[in-house]
């Protein structure tokens, strides 16, 4: 499967994930742990890669991120 880049990144939600995570005062490890509790197998380094845009984000991960970070999926994928 080929994963495409958009504007040099593999996702468009990374900056917003970082913003929402910091607003809730969660560490990347905390976010990964909450995702795992929600059934998503992910590690801290994957959260880091999502935030810097070097990791693809699946639709089910985006839904879990929005729930945990208490924001909408639309907000996560909007332009800044």
Protein backbone atom coordinates (compact mmCIF):
# COMPACT_ATOMS: atom_id res chain seq x y z
CA UNK A 1 0.00 0.00 0.00
CA UNK A 2 1.37 3.40 -0.95
CA UNK A 3 0.97 6.14 1.62
CA UNK A 4 0.92 9.54 -0.01
CA UNK A 5 2.24 12.85 1.23
CA UNK A 6 0.18 16.03 1.28
CA UNK A 7 2.24 19.21 1.39
CA UNK A 8 5.21 17.14 2.54
CA UNK A 9 3.38 15.46 5.42
CA UNK A 10 1.60 12.17 5.90
CA UNK A 11 -1.31 13.73 7.84
CA UNK A 12 -3.02 17.09 8.27
CA UNK A 13 -4.03 16.69 11.91
CA UNK A 14 -0.65 16.58 13.64
CA UNK A 15 -0.48 20.23 14.67
CA UNK A 16 -4.01 20.11 16.05
CA UNK A 17 -3.33 16.85 17.94
CA UNK A 18 -0.34 18.53 19.57
CA UNK A 19 -2.35 21.66 20.40
CA UNK A 20 -5.26 19.74 21.96
CA UNK A 21 -2.95 17.38 23.86
CA UNK A 22 -1.02 20.28 25.39
CA UNK A 23 -4.25 22.10 26.27
CA UNK A 24 -5.31 19.03 28.29
CA UNK A 25 -1.81 18.80 29.80
CA UNK A 26 -1.31 15.26 28.56
CA UNK A 27 2.08 13.84 27.71
CA UNK A 28 2.53 11.84 24.53
CA UNK A 29 2.77 8.74 26.75
CA UNK A 30 -0.52 9.65 28.46
CA UNK A 31 -2.25 10.03 25.10
CA UNK A 32 -0.84 6.72 23.84
CA UNK A 33 -2.02 4.99 27.03
CA UNK A 34 -5.54 6.40 26.67
CA UNK A 35 -5.63 5.32 23.03
CA UNK A 36 -4.59 1.80 24.11
CA UNK A 37 -7.38 1.72 26.70
CA UNK A 38 -9.71 2.67 23.82
CA UNK A 39 -8.47 -0.35 21.85
CA UNK A 40 -5.96 1.39 19.56
CA UNK A 41 -2.50 -0.20 19.62
CA UNK A 42 -0.14 2.79 19.55
CA UNK A 43 3.08 3.81 21.29
CA UNK A 44 4.43 7.17 22.43
CA UNK A 45 6.81 7.43 19.48
CA UNK A 46 3.84 7.05 17.11
CA UNK A 47 2.11 10.01 18.80
CA UNK A 48 5.30 12.01 18.27
CA UNK A 49 5.42 11.04 14.59
CA UNK A 50 1.73 11.96 14.17
CA UNK A 51 2.38 15.39 15.67
CA UNK A 52 5.34 16.11 13.37
CA UNK A 53 3.50 14.75 10.35
CA UNK A 54 5.63 11.72 9.50
CA UNK A 55 2.99 9.09 10.33
CA UNK A 56 -0.27 8.35 8.54
CA UNK A 57 -3.39 8.54 10.74
CA UNK A 58 -6.13 5.98 10.07
CA UNK A 59 -9.77 7.05 10.27
CA UNK A 60 -10.41 4.96 13.39
CA UNK A 61 -7.38 6.57 15.07
CA UNK A 62 -8.68 10.02 14.16
CA UNK A 63 -12.03 9.19 15.77
CA UNK A 64 -10.32 7.93 18.95
CA UNK A 65 -8.06 11.00 19.07
CA UNK A 66 -11.04 13.33 18.81
CA UNK A 67 -12.85 11.52 21.62
CA UNK A 68 -9.84 11.44 23.96
CA UNK A 69 -8.78 15.02 23.20
CA UNK A 70 -12.39 16.26 23.52
CA UNK A 71 -12.46 17.93 20.11
CA UNK A 72 -14.31 17.18 16.89
CA UNK A 73 -12.81 15.28 13.99
CA UNK A 74 -13.58 18.35 11.87
CA UNK A 75 -11.49 20.54 14.17
CA UNK A 76 -8.58 18.11 13.97
CA UNK A 77 -8.49 18.24 10.18
CA UNK A 78 -9.20 21.95 9.63
CA UNK A 79 -6.57 24.32 8.33
CA UNK A 80 -5.08 26.57 10.94
